[in-house]
């Protein structure tokens, strides 16, 4: 049941929402206390004990309350390439978190097919990405290209982005508040592209998107519902460079994705 708000509180909430709009934030989320089960691809009729908490849009406290919100600038734009440009322009030369003061050279927005059925989401840009302004262009990027080719696709067929769009100093793991500050723009990219499948590359991407804290061994091998899109988890290419033994397991994850997208399954493994 909705809670009745007095006019003063309504005005305060409206001002707060407009403030967030000016920062480029249009979506608001809460973490559900009721968990959703992750279902293993090999056993669709059974529930796994490991649970995935869904990240969902927060409901309006009172009907009509959020009508004061301005629509997203890309709303109503039919061309996804143009809509992505609008999101990028809204992001601007972002100074919303501390990273912009810690040596980043440029924002690394995302790259690929704006109508892609498959989207890869990594952790954060590295040194090469920061230099070139494009995600996954270094050694890990070359391995990701090989992974994509092994699936029978080209890099230009998919869309690639990261949880955060600036390189953290020393390639450190992004802090939670940095992820939360940057993720609304990623959510807008996902909403524009509307991929059929998202692949979260590595623990940071998986835990941020799914809002759960579990080891990779438990996160992998399952399909998750992410805002109406199927999401799978696999190892980050940078991790595979450090531990090539896990390439075989990664190939299993990619084959699961290929079956979902009705892609032919070649015998070639990830190299």
C-alpha atoms as a PDB file:
ATOM      1  CA  UNK A   1       0.000   0.000   0.000  1.00  0.00           C
ATOM      2  CA  UNK A   2       1.347   3.463  -0.896  1.00  0.00           C
ATOM      3  CA  UNK A   3       2.184   5.861   1.883  1.00  0.00           C
ATOM      4  CA  UNK A   4       0.528   9.288   1.877  1.00  0.00           C
ATOM      5  CA  UNK A   5       3.061  12.117   1.802  1.00  0.00           C
ATOM      6  CA  UNK A   6       2.532  15.686   2.855  1.00  0.00           C
ATOM      7  CA  UNK A   7       3.144  18.449   0.326  1.00  0.00           C
ATOM      8  CA  UNK A   8       6.424  19.577   1.912  1.00  0.00           C
ATOM      9  CA  UNK A   9       7.948  16.105   1.641  1.00  0.00           C
ATOM     10  CA  UNK A  10       6.699  15.797  -1.934  1.00  0.00           C
ATOM     11  CA  UNK A  11       8.455  19.038  -2.852  1.00  0.00           C
ATOM     12  CA  UNK A  12      11.658  17.872  -1.163  1.00  0.00           C
ATOM     13  CA  UNK A  13      11.569  14.575  -3.054  1.00  0.00           C
ATOM     14  CA  UNK A  14      10.875  16.377  -6.319  1.00  0.00           C
ATOM     15  CA  UNK A  15      13.879  18.637  -5.806  1.00  0.00           C
ATOM     16  CA  UNK A  16      16.067  15.647  -4.993  1.00  0.00           C
ATOM     17  CA  UNK A  17      14.950  13.829  -8.157  1.00  0.00           C
ATOM     18  CA  UNK A  18      15.635  16.897 -10.297  1.00  0.00           C
ATOM     19  CA  UNK A  19      19.093  17.119  -8.721  1.00  0.00           C
ATOM     20  CA  UNK A  20      19.858  13.522  -9.689  1.00  0.00           C
ATOM     21  CA  UNK A  21      18.522  14.158 -13.197  1.00  0.00           C
ATOM     22  CA  UNK A  22      21.041  16.968 -13.557  1.00  0.00           C
ATOM     23  CA  UNK A  23      23.762  14.488 -12.644  1.00  0.00           C
ATOM     24  CA  UNK A  24      22.545  12.202 -15.419  1.00  0.00           C
ATOM     25  CA  UNK A  25      20.853   9.733 -13.073  1.00  0.00           C
ATOM     26  CA  UNK A  26      17.322   8.778 -14.076  1.00  0.00           C
ATOM     27  CA  UNK A  27      16.926   5.260 -12.678  1.00  0.00           C
ATOM     28  CA  UNK A  28      16.525   4.458  -9.001  1.00  0.00           C
ATOM     29  CA  UNK A  29      16.964   0.996  -7.585  1.00  0.00           C
ATOM     30  CA  UNK A  30      16.653  -0.893  -4.357  1.00  0.00           C
ATOM     31  CA  UNK A  31      17.989  -4.286  -3.436  1.00  0.00           C
ATOM     32  CA  UNK A  32      15.203  -6.827  -2.976  1.00  0.00           C
ATOM     33  CA  UNK A  33      15.144  -8.735   0.288  1.00  0.00           C
ATOM     34  CA  UNK A  34      13.328 -11.607  -1.422  1.00  0.00           C
ATOM     35  CA  UNK A  35      15.907 -13.550  -3.405  1.00  0.00           C
ATOM     36  CA  UNK A  36      15.361 -15.152  -6.780  1.00  0.00           C
ATOM     37  CA  UNK A  37      16.802 -18.539  -7.544  1.00  0.00           C
ATOM     38  CA  UNK A  38      19.395 -18.973 -10.233  1.00  0.00           C
ATOM     39  CA  UNK A  39      18.484 -21.915 -12.416  1.00  0.00           C
ATOM     40  CA  UNK A  40      21.308 -24.038 -13.870  1.00  0.00           C
ATOM     41  CA  UNK A  41      21.213 -24.296 -17.634  1.00  0.00           C
ATOM     42  CA  UNK A  42      21.572 -28.065 -17.499  1.00  0.00           C
ATOM     43  CA  UNK A  43      18.676 -28.580 -15.029  1.00  0.00           C
ATOM     44  CA  UNK A  44      15.925 -26.098 -15.938  1.00  0.00           C
ATOM     45  CA  UNK A  45      13.336 -27.718 -13.669  1.00  0.00           C
ATOM     46  CA  UNK A  46      15.325 -27.501 -10.460  1.00  0.00           C
ATOM     47  CA  UNK A  47      16.209 -24.623  -8.145  1.00  0.00           C
ATOM     48  CA  UNK A  48      19.728 -24.121  -6.905  1.00  0.00           C
ATOM     49  CA  UNK A  49      20.436 -23.391  -3.230  1.00  0.00           C
ATOM     50  CA  UNK A  50      22.623 -20.423  -4.182  1.00  0.00           C
ATOM     51  CA  UNK A  51      20.301 -17.454  -4.528  1.00  0.00           C
ATOM     52  CA  UNK A  52      20.602 -14.320  -6.687  1.00  0.00           C
ATOM     53  CA  UNK A  53      19.083 -11.125  -5.378  1.00  0.00           C
ATOM     54  CA  UNK A  54      17.484  -9.074  -8.119  1.00  0.00           C
ATOM     55  CA  UNK A  55      18.184  -5.397  -8.635  1.00  0.00           C
ATOM     56  CA  UNK A  56      14.829  -3.857  -9.429  1.00  0.00           C
ATOM     57  CA  UNK A  57      13.404  -0.416  -9.928  1.00  0.00           C
ATOM     58  CA  UNK A  58      12.152   1.093  -6.710  1.00  0.00           C
ATOM     59  CA  UNK A  59       8.356   1.469  -6.724  1.00  0.00           C
ATOM     60  CA  UNK A  60       6.820   4.894  -6.422  1.00  0.00           C
ATOM     61  CA  UNK A  61       5.964   5.733  -2.858  1.00  0.00           C
ATOM     62  CA  UNK A  62       2.759   7.354  -4.027  1.00  0.00           C
ATOM     63  CA  UNK A  63       1.076   7.157  -7.404  1.00  0.00           C
ATOM     64  CA  UNK A  64       2.033  10.111  -9.574  1.00  0.00           C
ATOM     65  CA  UNK A  65       4.858  11.180  -7.286  1.00  0.00           C
ATOM     66  CA  UNK A  66       7.610  10.649  -9.876  1.00  0.00           C
ATOM     67  CA  UNK A  67       5.762  12.426 -12.662  1.00  0.00           C
ATOM     68  CA  UNK A  68       7.923  15.410 -11.749  1.00  0.00           C
ATOM     69  CA  UNK A  69      10.912  13.538 -13.159  1.00  0.00           C
ATOM     70  CA  UNK A  70      12.139  14.639 -16.562  1.00  0.00           C
ATOM     71  CA  UNK A  71      12.172  11.830 -19.127  1.00  0.00           C
ATOM     72  CA  UNK A  72      15.573  10.490 -20.089  1.00  0.00           C
ATOM     73  CA  UNK A  73      17.004  12.499 -22.991  1.00  0.00           C
ATOM     74  CA  UNK A  74      17.171   9.374 -25.164  1.00  0.00           C
ATOM     75  CA  UNK A  75      13.540   8.421 -24.497  1.00  0.00           C
ATOM     76  CA  UNK A  76      11.560   8.176 -27.705  1.00  0.00           C
ATOM     77  CA  UNK A  77      14.656   8.042 -29.926  1.00  0.00           C
ATOM     78  CA  UNK A  78      14.169   5.062 -32.221  1.00  0.00           C
ATOM     79  CA  UNK A  79      17.718   4.867 -33.582  1.00  0.00           C
ATOM     80  CA  UNK A  80      19.841   3.145 -30.897  1.00  0.00           C
ATOM     81  CA  UNK A  81      23.073   4.634 -32.255  1.00  0.00           C
ATOM     82  CA  UNK A  82      21.651   8.126 -31.830  1.00  0.00           C
ATOM     83  CA  UNK A  83      20.267   7.223 -28.404  1.00  0.00           C
ATOM     84  CA  UNK A  84      23.710   6.031 -27.286  1.00  0.00           C
ATOM     85  CA  UNK A  85      25.219   9.303 -28.478  1.00  0.00           C
ATOM     86  CA  UNK A  86      22.700  11.150 -26.318  1.00  0.00           C
ATOM     87  CA  UNK A  87      23.667   9.064 -23.285  1.00  0.00           C
ATOM     88  CA  UNK A  88      27.341   9.771 -24.009  1.00  0.00           C
ATOM     89  CA  UNK A  89      26.669  13.489 -24.281  1.00  0.00           C
ATOM     90  CA  UNK A  90      24.758  13.396 -21.006  1.00  0.00           C
ATOM     91  CA  UNK A  91      27.708  11.677 -19.349  1.00  0.00           C
ATOM     92  CA  UNK A  92      29.962  14.493 -20.548  1.00  0.00           C
ATOM     93  CA  UNK A  93      33.472  14.872 -19.141  1.00  0.00           C
ATOM     94  CA  UNK A  94      32.287  13.134 -16.008  1.00  0.00           C
ATOM     95  CA  UNK A  95      33.452  14.396 -12.616  1.00  0.00           C
ATOM     96  CA  UNK A  96      30.817  12.592 -10.547  1.00  0.00           C
ATOM     97  CA  UNK A  97      33.247  10.431  -8.545  1.00  0.00           C
ATOM     98  CA  UNK A  98      36.805  10.736  -7.244  1.00  0.00           C
ATOM     99  CA  UNK A  99      38.447   8.867 -10.144  1.00  0.00           C
ATOM    100  CA  UNK A 100      38.459  11.941 -12.376  1.00  0.00           C
ATOM    101  CA  UNK A 101      41.006  13.435  -9.966  1.00  0.00           C
ATOM    102  CA  UNK A 102      43.164  10.312  -9.847  1.00  0.00           C
ATOM    103  CA  UNK A 103      44.870  10.315 -13.218  1.00  0.00           C
ATOM    104  CA  UNK A 104      42.336   9.068 -15.703  1.00  0.00           C
ATOM    105  CA  UNK A 105      42.962  10.419 -19.204  1.00  0.00           C
ATOM    106  CA  UNK A 106      39.541   9.979 -20.730  1.00  0.00           C
ATOM    107  CA  UNK A 107      36.163   8.322 -20.390  1.00  0.00           C
ATOM    108  CA  UNK A 108      35.805   4.881 -21.960  1.00  0.00           C
ATOM    109  CA  UNK A 109      32.135   4.730 -22.869  1.00  0.00           C
ATOM    110  CA  UNK A 110      31.559   1.539 -24.849  1.00  0.00           C
ATOM    111  CA  UNK A 111      31.890   0.200 -28.353  1.00  0.00           C
ATOM    112  CA  UNK A 112      30.116  -2.103 -30.760  1.00  0.00           C
ATOM    113  CA  UNK A 113      26.826  -2.780 -32.476  1.00  0.00           C
ATOM    114  CA  UNK A 114      24.056  -0.603 -30.982  1.00  0.00           C
ATOM    115  CA  UNK A 115      21.576  -3.345 -31.953  1.00  0.00           C
ATOM    116  CA  UNK A 116      23.700  -6.193 -30.595  1.00  0.00           C
ATOM    117  CA  UNK A 117      22.006  -9.331 -29.297  1.00  0.00           C
ATOM    118  CA  UNK A 118      25.064 -10.023 -27.123  1.00  0.00           C
ATOM    119  CA  UNK A 119      26.666  -7.588 -24.699  1.00  0.00           C
ATOM    120  CA  UNK A 120      29.868  -8.109 -22.705  1.00  0.00           C
ATOM    121  CA  UNK A 121      30.357  -6.106 -19.517  1.00  0.00           C
ATOM    122  CA  UNK A 122      33.737  -5.995 -17.798  1.00  0.00           C
ATOM    123  CA  UNK A 123      35.072  -4.272 -14.712  1.00  0.00           C
ATOM    124  CA  UNK A 124      36.881  -1.063 -15.664  1.00  0.00           C
ATOM    125  CA  UNK A 125      39.255   0.333 -18.289  1.00  0.00           C
ATOM    126  CA  UNK A 126      42.960  -0.391 -18.001  1.00  0.00           C
ATOM    127  CA  UNK A 127      45.962   1.614 -19.187  1.00  0.00           C
ATOM    128  CA  UNK A 128      45.534   0.764 -22.883  1.00  0.00           C
ATOM    129  CA  UNK A 129      41.821   1.500 -22.751  1.00  0.00           C
ATOM    130  CA  UNK A 130      42.428   4.794 -20.968  1.00  0.00           C
ATOM    131  CA  UNK A 131      44.916   5.722 -23.685  1.00  0.00           C
ATOM    132  CA  UNK A 132      42.717   4.776 -26.635  1.00  0.00           C
ATOM    133  CA  UNK A 133      39.264   5.515 -25.214  1.00  0.00           C
ATOM    134  CA  UNK A 134      37.889   2.079 -26.131  1.00  0.00           C
ATOM    135  CA  UNK A 135      37.171  -0.902 -23.854  1.00  0.00           C
ATOM    136  CA  UNK A 136      39.165  -4.133 -24.107  1.00  0.00           C
ATOM    137  CA  UNK A 137      41.946  -3.117 -26.497  1.00  0.00           C
ATOM    138  CA  UNK A 138      44.945  -4.416 -24.522  1.00  0.00           C
ATOM    139  CA  UNK A 139      46.071  -8.012 -24.016  1.00  0.00           C
ATOM    140  CA  UNK A 140      42.809  -8.901 -22.277  1.00  0.00           C
ATOM    141  CA  UNK A 141      40.963  -7.298 -25.170  1.00  0.00           C
ATOM    142  CA  UNK A 142      42.798  -9.442 -27.691  1.00  0.00           C
ATOM    143  CA  UNK A 143      41.770 -12.523 -25.754  1.00  0.00           C
ATOM    144  CA  UNK A 144      38.172 -11.288 -25.642  1.00  0.00           C
ATOM    145  CA  UNK A 145      38.328 -10.874 -29.431  1.00  0.00           C
ATOM    146  CA  UNK A 146      39.430 -14.516 -29.686  1.00  0.00           C
ATOM    147  CA  UNK A 147      36.568 -15.555 -27.425  1.00  0.00           C
ATOM    148  CA  UNK A 148      34.110 -13.712 -29.651  1.00  0.00           C
ATOM    149  CA  UNK A 149      35.605 -15.262 -32.794  1.00  0.00           C
ATOM    150  CA  UNK A 150      35.391 -18.716 -31.232  1.00  0.00           C
ATOM    151  CA  UNK A 151      31.660 -18.107 -30.911  1.00  0.00           C
ATOM    152  CA  UNK A 152      31.451 -17.479 -34.651  1.00  0.00           C
ATOM    153  CA  UNK A 153      31.043 -13.707 -34.241  1.00  0.00           C
ATOM    154  CA  UNK A 154      33.102 -10.589 -34.860  1.00  0.00           C
ATOM    155  CA  UNK A 155      33.856  -7.831 -32.375  1.00  0.00           C
ATOM    156  CA  UNK A 156      31.604  -5.494 -34.355  1.00  0.00           C
ATOM    157  CA  UNK A 157      28.653  -7.855 -33.881  1.00  0.00           C
ATOM    158  CA  UNK A 158      28.536  -7.389 -30.098  1.00  0.00           C
ATOM    159  CA  UNK A 159      28.580  -4.464 -27.695  1.00  0.00           C
ATOM    160  CA  UNK A 160      31.324  -4.103 -25.069  1.00  0.00           C
ATOM    161  CA  UNK A 161      31.285  -1.887 -21.985  1.00  0.00           C
ATOM    162  CA  UNK A 162      32.446  -1.794 -18.373  1.00  0.00           C
ATOM    163  CA  UNK A 163      30.837  -1.277 -14.992  1.00  0.00           C
ATOM    164  CA  UNK A 164      32.740   1.999 -14.625  1.00  0.00           C
ATOM    165  CA  UNK A 165      33.976   4.183 -17.453  1.00  0.00           C
ATOM    166  CA  UNK A 166      37.228   5.551 -16.050  1.00  0.00           C
ATOM    167  CA  UNK A 167      40.463   3.784 -15.202  1.00  0.00           C
ATOM    168  CA  UNK A 168      40.957   3.469 -11.436  1.00  0.00           C
ATOM    169  CA  UNK A 169      44.474   4.452 -10.332  1.00  0.00           C
ATOM    170  CA  UNK A 170      46.861   1.533 -10.606  1.00  0.00           C
ATOM    171  CA  UNK A 171      44.068  -0.597 -12.068  1.00  0.00           C
ATOM    172  CA  UNK A 172      42.719  -1.142  -8.567  1.00  0.00           C
ATOM    173  CA  UNK A 173      39.304  -2.703  -8.067  1.00  0.00           C
ATOM    174  CA  UNK A 174      36.538  -0.084  -8.303  1.00  0.00           C
ATOM    175  CA  UNK A 175      34.992   0.932  -5.000  1.00  0.00           C
ATOM    176  CA  UNK A 176      31.314   0.278  -4.420  1.00  0.00           C
ATOM    177  CA  UNK A 177      30.364   3.961  -4.451  1.00  0.00           C
ATOM    178  CA  UNK A 178      32.210   4.421  -7.758  1.00  0.00           C
ATOM    179  CA  UNK A 179      30.249   1.544  -9.277  1.00  0.00           C
ATOM    180  CA  UNK A 180      26.983   2.928  -7.970  1.00  0.00           C
ATOM    181  CA  UNK A 181      27.757   6.401  -9.319  1.00  0.00           C
ATOM    182  CA  UNK A 182      28.652   5.152 -12.794  1.00  0.00           C
ATOM    183  CA  UNK A 183      26.196   2.279 -13.221  1.00  0.00           C
ATOM    184  CA  UNK A 184      23.120   4.408 -14.102  1.00  0.00           C
ATOM    185  CA  UNK A 185      24.791   5.252 -17.417  1.00  0.00           C
ATOM    186  CA  UNK A 186      25.504   1.579 -18.047  1.00  0.00           C
ATOM    187  CA  UNK A 187      21.848   0.809 -17.294  1.00  0.00           C
ATOM    188  CA  UNK A 188      20.840   3.377 -19.884  1.00  0.00           C
ATOM    189  CA  UNK A 189      23.184   1.785 -22.435  1.00  0.00           C
ATOM    190  CA  UNK A 190      21.637  -1.609 -21.759  1.00  0.00           C
ATOM    191  CA  UNK A 191      18.128  -0.162 -22.067  1.00  0.00           C
ATOM    192  CA  UNK A 192      18.995   1.355 -25.456  1.00  0.00           C
ATOM    193  CA  UNK A 193      20.744  -1.725 -26.882  1.00  0.00           C
ATOM    194  CA  UNK A 194      18.255  -4.246 -25.459  1.00  0.00           C
ATOM    195  CA  UNK A 195      20.555  -7.263 -25.884  1.00  0.00           C
ATOM    196  CA  UNK A 196      19.142 -10.750 -25.656  1.00  0.00           C
ATOM    197  CA  UNK A 197      22.086 -11.894 -23.539  1.00  0.00           C
ATOM    198  CA  UNK A 198      24.550 -10.117 -21.258  1.00  0.00           C
ATOM    199  CA  UNK A 199      27.825 -11.771 -20.262  1.00  0.00           C
ATOM    200  CA  UNK A 200      29.344 -10.419 -17.070  1.00  0.00           C
ATOM    201  CA  UNK A 201      33.122 -10.753 -17.287  1.00  0.00           C
ATOM    202  CA  UNK A 202      34.611 -11.394 -13.867  1.00  0.00           C
ATOM    203  CA  UNK A 203      33.547 -11.105 -10.264  1.00  0.00           C
ATOM    204  CA  UNK A 204      33.241  -7.314 -10.060  1.00  0.00           C
ATOM    205  CA  UNK A 205      30.874  -7.110 -13.024  1.00  0.00           C
ATOM    206  CA  UNK A 206      28.838 -10.092 -11.845  1.00  0.00           C
ATOM    207  CA  UNK A 207      28.513  -8.974  -8.232  1.00  0.00           C
ATOM    208  CA  UNK A 208      27.670  -5.398  -9.203  1.00  0.00           C
ATOM    209  CA  UNK A 209      24.997  -6.350 -11.728  1.00  0.00           C
ATOM    210  CA  UNK A 210      23.459  -9.144  -9.651  1.00  0.00           C
ATOM    211  CA  UNK A 211      23.901  -7.497  -6.255  1.00  0.00           C
ATOM    212  CA  UNK A 212      25.127 -10.732  -4.718  1.00  0.00           C
ATOM    213  CA  UNK A 213      28.388 -11.726  -3.087  1.00  0.00           C
ATOM    214  CA  UNK A 214      29.421 -15.219  -4.105  1.00  0.00           C
ATOM    215  CA  UNK A 215      32.549 -16.872  -5.543  1.00  0.00           C
ATOM    216  CA  UNK A 216      32.880 -17.297  -9.284  1.00  0.00           C
ATOM    217  CA  UNK A 217      32.500 -21.059  -8.947  1.00  0.00           C
ATOM    218  CA  UNK A 218      28.939 -20.493  -7.718  1.00  0.00           C
ATOM    219  CA  UNK A 219      28.102 -17.610 -10.050  1.00  0.00           C
ATOM    220  CA  UNK A 220      29.069 -19.429 -13.257  1.00  0.00           C
ATOM    221  CA  UNK A 221      26.928 -21.964 -15.086  1.00  0.00           C
ATOM    222  CA  UNK A 222      23.580 -20.313 -14.350  1.00  0.00           C
ATOM    223  CA  UNK A 223      21.191 -18.020 -16.145  1.00  0.00           C
ATOM    224  CA  UNK A 224      20.034 -14.930 -14.283  1.00  0.00           C
ATOM    225  CA  UNK A 225      17.171 -12.607 -15.092  1.00  0.00           C
ATOM    226  CA  UNK A 226      18.576  -9.094 -15.253  1.00  0.00           C
ATOM    227  CA  UNK A 227      15.800  -6.578 -15.881  1.00  0.00           C
ATOM    228  CA  UNK A 228      14.206  -8.887 -18.441  1.00  0.00           C
ATOM    229  CA  UNK A 229      17.499  -9.860 -20.098  1.00  0.00           C
ATOM    230  CA  UNK A 230      19.282 -13.167 -19.611  1.00  0.00           C
ATOM    231  CA  UNK A 231      22.667 -12.781 -17.933  1.00  0.00           C
ATOM    232  CA  UNK A 232      25.521 -15.281 -17.688  1.00  0.00           C
ATOM    233  CA  UNK A 233      28.793 -15.018 -15.776  1.00  0.00           C
ATOM    234  CA  UNK A 234      32.248 -16.094 -16.884  1.00  0.00           C
ATOM    235  CA  UNK A 235      35.881 -15.313 -16.112  1.00  0.00           C
ATOM    236  CA  UNK A 236      37.418 -11.986 -17.047  1.00  0.00           C
ATOM    237  CA  UNK A 237      39.935 -12.268 -19.899  1.00  0.00           C
ATOM    238  CA  UNK A 238      42.606 -10.659 -17.699  1.00  0.00           C
ATOM    239  CA  UNK A 239      42.144 -13.502 -15.210  1.00  0.00           C
ATOM    240  CA  UNK A 240      42.481 -16.049 -18.024  1.00  0.00           C
ATOM    241  CA  UNK A 241      45.819 -14.507 -18.961  1.00  0.00           C
ATOM    242  CA  UNK A 242      46.991 -15.218 -15.415  1.00  0.00           C
ATOM    243  CA  UNK A 243      45.390 -18.675 -15.240  1.00  0.00           C
ATOM    244  CA  UNK A 244      45.001 -20.186 -18.728  1.00  0.00           C
ATOM    245  CA  UNK A 245      43.724 -23.427 -17.165  1.00  0.00           C
ATOM    246  CA  UNK A 246      40.318 -21.782 -16.795  1.00  0.00           C
ATOM    247  CA  UNK A 247      39.902 -21.243 -20.548  1.00  0.00           C
ATOM    248  CA  UNK A 248      38.199 -24.623 -20.822  1.00  0.00           C
ATOM    249  CA  UNK A 249      35.628 -23.582 -18.229  1.00  0.00           C
ATOM    250  CA  UNK A 250      35.131 -20.260 -19.988  1.00  0.00           C
ATOM    251  CA  UNK A 251      34.439 -22.071 -23.228  1.00  0.00           C
ATOM    252  CA  UNK A 252      31.664 -23.989 -21.472  1.00  0.00           C
ATOM    253  CA  UNK A 253      30.108 -20.692 -20.440  1.00  0.00           C
ATOM    254  CA  UNK A 254      30.345 -19.324 -23.965  1.00  0.00           C
ATOM    255  CA  UNK A 255      28.763 -22.448 -25.404  1.00  0.00           C
ATOM    256  CA  UNK A 256      25.843 -21.965 -23.016  1.00  0.00           C
ATOM    257  CA  UNK A 257      25.457 -18.438 -24.414  1.00  0.00           C
ATOM    258  CA  UNK A 258      25.702 -19.696 -27.987  1.00  0.00           C
ATOM    259  CA  UNK A 259      22.896 -22.180 -27.415  1.00  0.00           C
ATOM    260  CA  UNK A 260      20.706 -19.397 -26.046  1.00  0.00           C
ATOM    261  CA  UNK A 261      21.405 -17.254 -29.132  1.00  0.00           C
ATOM    262  CA  UNK A 262      20.975 -20.213 -31.519  1.00  0.00           C
ATOM    263  CA  UNK A 263      24.544 -19.857 -32.755  1.00  0.00           C
ATOM    264  CA  UNK A 264      26.210 -22.888 -34.325  1.00  0.00           C
ATOM    265  CA  UNK A 265      28.674 -24.472 -31.947  1.00  0.00           C
ATOM    266  CA  UNK A 266      32.130 -24.867 -33.549  1.00  0.00           C
ATOM    267  CA  UNK A 267      34.618 -27.241 -32.025  1.00  0.00           C
ATOM    268  CA  UNK A 268      37.219 -24.498 -31.626  1.00  0.00           C
ATOM    269  CA  UNK A 269      38.115 -23.695 -28.037  1.00  0.00           C
ATOM    270  CA  UNK A 270      39.162 -20.348 -26.558  1.00  0.00           C
ATOM    271  CA  UNK A 271      42.833 -19.693 -27.298  1.00  0.00           C
END
